[in-house]
C-alpha atoms as a PDB file:
ATOM      1  CA  MET A   1      17.536   5.486  -3.156  1.00  0.00           C
ATOM      2  CA  LYS A   2      21.018   3.896  -3.158  1.00  0.00           C
ATOM      3  CA  PHE A   3      19.675   1.019  -1.071  1.00  0.00           C
ATOM      4  CA  PHE A   4      17.006   0.127  -3.652  1.00  0.00           C
ATOM      5  CA  THR A   5      19.526   0.396  -6.494  1.00  0.00           C
ATOM      6  CA  LYS A   6      21.728  -2.114  -4.665  1.00  0.00           C
ATOM      7  CA  VAL A   7      18.729  -4.429  -4.134  1.00  0.00           C
ATOM      8  CA  ILE A   8      17.891  -4.407  -7.848  1.00  0.00           C
ATOM      9  CA  ALA A   9      21.533  -5.050  -8.775  1.00  0.00           C
ATOM     10  CA  ALA A  10      21.735  -7.939  -6.295  1.00  0.00           C
ATOM     11  CA  ILE A  11      18.580  -9.562  -7.715  1.00  0.00           C
ATOM     12  CA  VAL A  12      19.890  -9.313 -11.283  1.00  0.00           C
ATOM     13  CA  LEU A  13      23.331 -10.725 -10.350  1.00  0.00           C
ATOM     14  CA  ALA A  14      21.841 -13.558  -8.303  1.00  0.00           C
ATOM     15  CA  THR A  15      19.522 -14.532 -11.135  1.00  0.00           C
ATOM     16  CA  ALA A  16      22.332 -14.420 -13.678  1.00  0.00           C
ATOM     17  CA  ALA A  17      24.384 -16.743 -11.485  1.00  0.00           C
ATOM     18  CA  VAL A  18      21.713 -19.420 -11.204  1.00  0.00           C
ATOM     19  CA  VAL A  19      20.005 -19.260 -14.593  1.00  0.00           C
ATOM     20  CA  PRO A  20      21.449 -21.872 -16.925  1.00  0.00           C
ATOM     21  CA  ALA A  21      22.751 -20.977 -20.359  1.00  0.00           C
ATOM     22  CA  GLN A  22      19.721 -22.478 -22.078  1.00  0.00           C
ATOM     23  CA  ALA A  23      17.347 -20.070 -20.319  1.00  0.00           C
ATOM     24  CA  GLN A  24      15.000 -18.257 -22.633  1.00  0.00           C
ATOM     25  CA  PHE A  25      15.357 -14.484 -22.815  1.00  0.00           C
ATOM     26  CA  LYS A  26      12.871 -12.250 -24.579  1.00  0.00           C
ATOM     27  CA  TRP A  27      12.212  -8.553 -24.602  1.00  0.00           C
ATOM     28  CA  GLY A  28       9.191  -6.638 -25.727  1.00  0.00           C
ATOM     29  CA  VAL A  29       6.766  -3.778 -25.376  1.00  0.00           C
ATOM     30  CA  LYS A  30       3.994  -3.557 -22.801  1.00  0.00           C
ATOM     31  CA  ALA A  31       0.957  -1.284 -22.476  1.00  0.00           C
ATOM     32  CA  GLY A  32      -2.190  -1.233 -20.427  1.00  0.00           C
ATOM     33  CA  VAL A  33      -4.491   0.469 -17.998  1.00  0.00           C
ATOM     34  CA  ALA A  34      -3.990   1.003 -14.268  1.00  0.00           C
ATOM     35  CA  VAL A  35      -6.856   1.733 -11.879  1.00  0.00           C
ATOM     36  CA  ASN A  36      -5.455   3.318  -8.751  1.00  0.00           C
ATOM     37  CA  SER A  37      -6.549   5.000  -5.546  1.00  0.00           C
ATOM     38  CA  LEU A  38      -4.887   6.503  -2.492  1.00  0.00           C
ATOM     39  CA  LYS A  39      -5.851   4.718   0.706  1.00  0.00           C
ATOM     40  CA  PHE A  40      -5.568   7.061   3.675  1.00  0.00           C
ATOM     41  CA  ASN A  41      -4.934   6.138   7.293  1.00  0.00           C
ATOM     42  CA  LYS A  42      -7.524   8.681   8.514  1.00  0.00           C
ATOM     43  CA  ASP A  43     -11.153   9.260   7.580  1.00  0.00           C
ATOM     44  CA  VAL A  44     -10.718  13.008   7.054  1.00  0.00           C
ATOM     45  CA  VAL A  45      -9.943  12.472   3.362  1.00  0.00           C
ATOM     46  CA  SER A  46     -10.984   9.929   0.754  1.00  0.00           C
ATOM     47  CA  SER A  47      -9.985   8.981  -2.755  1.00  0.00           C
ATOM     48  CA  ASP A  48     -11.966   7.266  -5.507  1.00  0.00           C
ATOM     49  CA  ASN A  49     -10.577   4.843  -8.065  1.00  0.00           C
ATOM     50  CA  ARG A  50      -9.345   6.431 -11.282  1.00  0.00           C
ATOM     51  CA  ALA A  51      -7.983   4.846 -14.461  1.00  0.00           C
ATOM     52  CA  GLY A  52      -4.672   5.808 -16.041  1.00  0.00           C
ATOM     53  CA  PHE A  53      -2.290   4.625 -18.757  1.00  0.00           C
ATOM     54  CA  THR A  54       0.901   2.617 -18.402  1.00  0.00           C
ATOM     55  CA  GLY A  55       3.385   1.513 -21.059  1.00  0.00           C
ATOM     56  CA  GLY A  56       7.033   0.808 -21.785  1.00  0.00           C
ATOM     57  CA  LEU A  57       9.590  -1.964 -22.254  1.00  0.00           C
ATOM     58  CA  MET A  58       9.957  -5.343 -20.592  1.00  0.00           C
ATOM     59  CA  ALA A  59      12.371  -8.268 -20.417  1.00  0.00           C
ATOM     60  CA  ASP A  60      11.365 -11.870 -19.685  1.00  0.00           C
ATOM     61  CA  PHE A  61      13.668 -14.693 -18.475  1.00  0.00           C
ATOM     62  CA  THR A  62      12.440 -18.274 -18.194  1.00  0.00           C
ATOM     63  CA  VAL A  63      14.232 -21.486 -17.293  1.00  0.00           C
ATOM     64  CA  PRO A  64      12.832 -24.210 -19.608  1.00  0.00           C
ATOM     65  CA  VAL A  65      11.148 -27.349 -18.246  1.00  0.00           C
ATOM     66  CA  ILE A  66      10.625 -25.994 -14.707  1.00  0.00           C
ATOM     67  CA  GLY A  67       8.974 -22.771 -15.918  1.00  0.00           C
ATOM     68  CA  VAL A  68      10.547 -20.507 -13.299  1.00  0.00           C
ATOM     69  CA  GLY A  69      11.955 -17.091 -14.121  1.00  0.00           C
ATOM     70  CA  PHE A  70      11.266 -13.411 -13.790  1.00  0.00           C
ATOM     71  CA  ASP A  71      10.301 -10.387 -15.779  1.00  0.00           C
ATOM     72  CA  ALA A  72      11.326  -6.772 -15.334  1.00  0.00           C
ATOM     73  CA  SER A  73       9.826  -3.670 -16.888  1.00  0.00           C
ATOM     74  CA  VAL A  74      10.476   0.037 -17.177  1.00  0.00           C
ATOM     75  CA  LEU A  75       7.103   1.720 -17.587  1.00  0.00           C
ATOM     76  CA  TYR A  76       5.686   5.207 -17.755  1.00  0.00           C
ATOM     77  CA  ALA A  77       2.570   5.341 -15.573  1.00  0.00           C
ATOM     78  CA  ALA A  78       0.004   8.150 -15.615  1.00  0.00           C
ATOM     79  CA  ARG A  79      -2.177   8.017 -12.513  1.00  0.00           C
ATOM     80  CA  SER A  80      -5.112  10.214 -11.547  1.00  0.00           C
ATOM     81  CA  VAL A  81      -6.747  10.629  -8.187  1.00  0.00           C
ATOM     82  CA  ASP A  82     -10.064  12.199  -7.211  1.00  0.00           C
ATOM     83  CA  PHE A  83      -9.297  13.780  -3.895  1.00  0.00           C
ATOM     84  CA  ALA A  84     -12.270  14.615  -1.620  1.00  0.00           C
ATOM     85  CA  ASN A  85     -12.140  16.224   1.801  1.00  0.00           C
ATOM     86  CA  ASP A  86     -14.702  15.849   4.584  1.00  0.00           C
ATOM     87  CA  GLU A  87     -16.639  18.851   3.249  1.00  0.00           C
ATOM     88  CA  GLY A  88     -17.275  17.102  -0.057  1.00  0.00           C
ATOM     89  CA  ASP A  89     -14.970  19.250  -2.188  1.00  0.00           C
ATOM     90  CA  VAL A  90     -13.498  17.114  -4.998  1.00  0.00           C
ATOM     91  CA  THR A  91     -10.384  17.847  -7.047  1.00  0.00           C
ATOM     92  CA  THR A  92      -8.676  15.642  -9.639  1.00  0.00           C
ATOM     93  CA  LYS A  93      -4.898  15.456  -9.625  1.00  0.00           C
ATOM     94  CA  ARG A  94      -2.712  13.692 -12.174  1.00  0.00           C
ATOM     95  CA  ARG A  95       0.604  12.163 -11.224  1.00  0.00           C
ATOM     96  CA  SER A  96       3.135  10.510 -13.529  1.00  0.00           C
ATOM     97  CA  TYR A  97       5.729   7.942 -12.531  1.00  0.00           C
ATOM     98  CA  ILE A  98       8.481   5.751 -13.900  1.00  0.00           C
ATOM     99  CA  ASP A  99       7.610   2.275 -12.600  1.00  0.00           C
ATOM    100  CA  VAL A 100      10.160  -0.535 -12.352  1.00  0.00           C
ATOM    101  CA  PRO A 101       8.328  -3.762 -11.424  1.00  0.00           C
ATOM    102  CA  ILE A 102      10.444  -6.899 -11.004  1.00  0.00           C
ATOM    103  CA  ASN A 103       8.278 -10.013 -10.881  1.00  0.00           C
ATOM    104  CA  PHE A 104       9.224 -13.558 -10.044  1.00  0.00           C
ATOM    105  CA  LYS A 105       7.253 -15.672 -12.501  1.00  0.00           C
ATOM    106  CA  TYR A 106       6.065 -19.264 -12.557  1.00  0.00           C
ATOM    107  CA  LYS A 107       4.686 -20.590 -15.849  1.00  0.00           C
ATOM    108  CA  LEU A 108       2.268 -23.497 -15.543  1.00  0.00           C
ATOM    109  CA  GLY A 109       3.073 -25.996 -18.273  1.00  0.00           C
ATOM    110  CA  LEU A 110      -0.109 -27.518 -19.647  1.00  0.00           C
ATOM    111  CA  PRO A 111      -0.058 -30.798 -21.569  1.00  0.00           C
ATOM    112  CA  LEU A 112      -0.962 -30.604 -25.265  1.00  0.00           C
ATOM    113  CA  VAL A 113      -1.695 -26.847 -25.335  1.00  0.00           C
ATOM    114  CA  GLY A 114       1.465 -25.600 -23.588  1.00  0.00           C
ATOM    115  CA  LYS A 115       2.973 -24.198 -26.790  1.00  0.00           C
ATOM    116  CA  VAL A 116      -0.191 -22.258 -27.553  1.00  0.00           C
ATOM    117  CA  VAL A 117      -1.462 -21.130 -24.136  1.00  0.00           C
ATOM    118  CA  THR A 118       0.610 -20.958 -20.936  1.00  0.00           C
ATOM    119  CA  PRO A 119      -0.876 -19.523 -17.725  1.00  0.00           C
ATOM    120  CA  PHE A 120       1.511 -17.889 -15.241  1.00  0.00           C
ATOM    121  CA  LEU A 121       1.626 -16.445 -11.735  1.00  0.00           C
ATOM    122  CA  THR A 122       3.732 -13.439 -10.680  1.00  0.00           C
ATOM    123  CA  THR A 123       4.801 -11.645  -7.531  1.00  0.00           C
ATOM    124  CA  GLY A 124       7.468  -9.095  -6.758  1.00  0.00           C
ATOM    125  CA  PRO A 125       8.460  -5.544  -5.824  1.00  0.00           C
ATOM    126  CA  ASP A 126       7.516  -2.403  -7.721  1.00  0.00           C
ATOM    127  CA  PHE A 127       9.757   0.680  -7.497  1.00  0.00           C
ATOM    128  CA  SER A 128       8.071   3.932  -8.583  1.00  0.00           C
ATOM    129  CA  PHE A 129       9.815   7.261  -9.167  1.00  0.00           C
ATOM    130  CA  LEU A 130       7.645  10.379  -9.275  1.00  0.00           C
ATOM    131  CA  LEU A 131       7.952  12.657 -12.313  1.00  0.00           C
ATOM    132  CA  SER A 132       5.147  15.118 -11.455  1.00  0.00           C
ATOM    133  CA  LYS A 133       5.818  18.354  -9.599  1.00  0.00           C
ATOM    134  CA  GLU A 134       2.267  19.176  -8.497  1.00  0.00           C
ATOM    135  CA  ASN A 135       1.177  17.976  -5.047  1.00  0.00           C
ATOM    136  CA  VAL A 136      -2.077  16.159  -4.349  1.00  0.00           C
ATOM    137  CA  SER A 137      -3.297  19.242  -2.458  1.00  0.00           C
ATOM    138  CA  ASP A 138      -1.941  22.146  -0.433  1.00  0.00           C
ATOM    139  CA  ALA A 139      -2.042  19.940   2.647  1.00  0.00           C
ATOM    140  CA  LEU A 140      -0.875  16.669   1.035  1.00  0.00           C
ATOM    141  CA  HIS A 141       2.541  16.410  -0.593  1.00  0.00           C
ATOM    142  CA  ASN A 142       3.608  13.669  -3.024  1.00  0.00           C
ATOM    143  CA  LYS A 143       6.600  11.546  -2.123  1.00  0.00           C
ATOM    144  CA  SER A 144       9.296  11.256  -4.788  1.00  0.00           C
ATOM    145  CA  PHE A 145       9.644   7.476  -4.320  1.00  0.00           C
ATOM    146  CA  ASP A 146       6.971   4.828  -3.871  1.00  0.00           C
ATOM    147  CA  PHE A 147       7.437   1.132  -3.091  1.00  0.00           C
ATOM    148  CA  ALA A 148       4.751  -1.535  -3.575  1.00  0.00           C
ATOM    149  CA  TRP A 149       4.416  -5.306  -3.767  1.00  0.00           C
ATOM    150  CA  ASN A 150       2.561  -6.849  -6.715  1.00  0.00           C
ATOM    151  CA  ILE A 151       0.743 -10.145  -7.080  1.00  0.00           C
ATOM    152  CA  GLY A 152      -0.778 -11.219 -10.362  1.00  0.00           C
ATOM    153  CA  ALA A 153      -1.643 -13.787 -12.975  1.00  0.00           C
ATOM    154  CA  GLY A 154      -1.796 -13.966 -16.717  1.00  0.00           C
ATOM    155  CA  VAL A 155      -1.550 -16.028 -19.831  1.00  0.00           C
ATOM    156  CA  GLN A 156       1.079 -16.294 -22.560  1.00  0.00           C
ATOM    157  CA  ILE A 157      -0.247 -16.984 -26.053  1.00  0.00           C
ATOM    158  CA  VAL A 158       1.915 -18.596 -28.790  1.00  0.00           C
ATOM    159  CA  ASN A 159       5.090 -17.601 -26.913  1.00  0.00           C
ATOM    160  CA  HIS A 160       4.848 -13.942 -27.951  1.00  0.00           C
ATOM    161  CA  VAL A 161       1.779 -12.308 -26.396  1.00  0.00           C
ATOM    162  CA  GLN A 162       1.277 -11.933 -22.651  1.00  0.00           C
ATOM    163  CA  ILE A 163      -1.942 -10.665 -21.086  1.00  0.00           C
ATOM    164  CA  ALA A 164      -1.739 -10.096 -17.343  1.00  0.00           C
ATOM    165  CA  ALA A 165      -3.531  -8.555 -14.379  1.00  0.00           C
ATOM    166  CA  SER A 166      -1.921  -7.617 -11.076  1.00  0.00           C
ATOM    167  CA  TYR A 167      -2.697  -5.828  -7.833  1.00  0.00           C
ATOM    168  CA  GLY A 168      -0.149  -3.596  -6.124  1.00  0.00           C
ATOM    169  CA  PHE A 169      -0.152  -3.158  -2.365  1.00  0.00           C
ATOM    170  CA  GLY A 170       1.417   0.208  -1.507  1.00  0.00           C
ATOM    171  CA  ILE A 171       3.986  -0.237   1.245  1.00  0.00           C
ATOM    172  CA  THR A 172       5.503   3.226   1.544  1.00  0.00           C
ATOM    173  CA  LYS A 173       3.598   6.514   1.776  1.00  0.00           C
ATOM    174  CA  SER A 174       2.746   8.016  -1.590  1.00  0.00           C
ATOM    175  CA  ALA A 175       1.489  11.274  -0.059  1.00  0.00           C
ATOM    176  CA  SER A 176       1.524  12.732   3.430  1.00  0.00           C
ATOM    177  CA  GLY A 177       0.420  15.864   5.269  1.00  0.00           C
ATOM    178  CA  HIS A 178       2.374  18.582   7.027  1.00  0.00           C
ATOM    179  CA  ASP A 179       1.511  17.354  10.492  1.00  0.00           C
ATOM    180  CA  SER A 180       1.672  13.609   9.697  1.00  0.00           C
ATOM    181  CA  MET A 181      -1.940  13.232  10.861  1.00  0.00           C
ATOM    182  CA  TYR A 182      -2.798  11.490   7.629  1.00  0.00           C
ATOM    183  CA  SER A 183      -0.974   9.820   4.778  1.00  0.00           C
ATOM    184  CA  GLY A 184      -1.914   7.868   1.678  1.00  0.00           C
ATOM    185  CA  LYS A 185      -0.593   4.710   0.058  1.00  0.00           C
ATOM    186  CA  ASN A 186      -1.141   3.722  -3.560  1.00  0.00           C
ATOM    187  CA  ARG A 187      -3.343   0.718  -4.312  1.00  0.00           C
ATOM    188  CA  CYS A 188      -3.432  -0.224  -7.970  1.00  0.00           C
ATOM    189  CA  TRP A 189      -5.035  -2.753 -10.319  1.00  0.00           C
ATOM    190  CA  THR A 190      -3.084  -3.062 -13.569  1.00  0.00           C
ATOM    191  CA  ILE A 191      -4.139  -4.881 -16.743  1.00  0.00           C
ATOM    192  CA  THR A 192      -1.494  -5.095 -19.479  1.00  0.00           C
ATOM    193  CA  ALA A 193      -0.806  -6.675 -22.826  1.00  0.00           C
ATOM    194  CA  ALA A 194       2.773  -7.296 -23.962  1.00  0.00           C
ATOM    195  CA  TYR A 195       4.353  -8.457 -27.189  1.00  0.00           C
ATOM    196  CA  LEU A 196       7.673 -10.331 -26.831  1.00  0.00           C
ATOM    197  CA  PHE A 197      10.199 -10.537 -29.657  1.00  0.00           C
END
């Protein structure tokens, strides 16, 4: 946990050192839907996609002219999973997280319409901290920390509204069994809308 805190602090300090004074800073609110599933490394269990809610605060930094910057968010994420074993028994479990995605962002300046519509690309790490106490099942236990890498795209409208979609590749185990025979990693599509002040 201390390692990831140091990584976040290093990213923020490095960005502050290179971003010129005229960089644009905005903050806002973000909300959306996340469709997630647990992808297991064994065929003995399976998980279907389920939709959940996400929402919270975000900050957006952009260097004018070149369109490079980053955004960071602190989001509450409610995720559900339909968990099925090889006998066909299905149970639904709900898990809640605090997500901290930090995305490097490139805004594509378009001639003539750039002040109205600006497409952008994003990529970066996502740090998730589990709030739920209940395990996925008696045999599968949730991990308290989850790390993923996001890639995405979106559009900024009239400099205040951002609509974006991203896909998160789970890197660390989100749930694992007693005997380590199987483990699951989060995979997540997220569609959000944000308003920047």
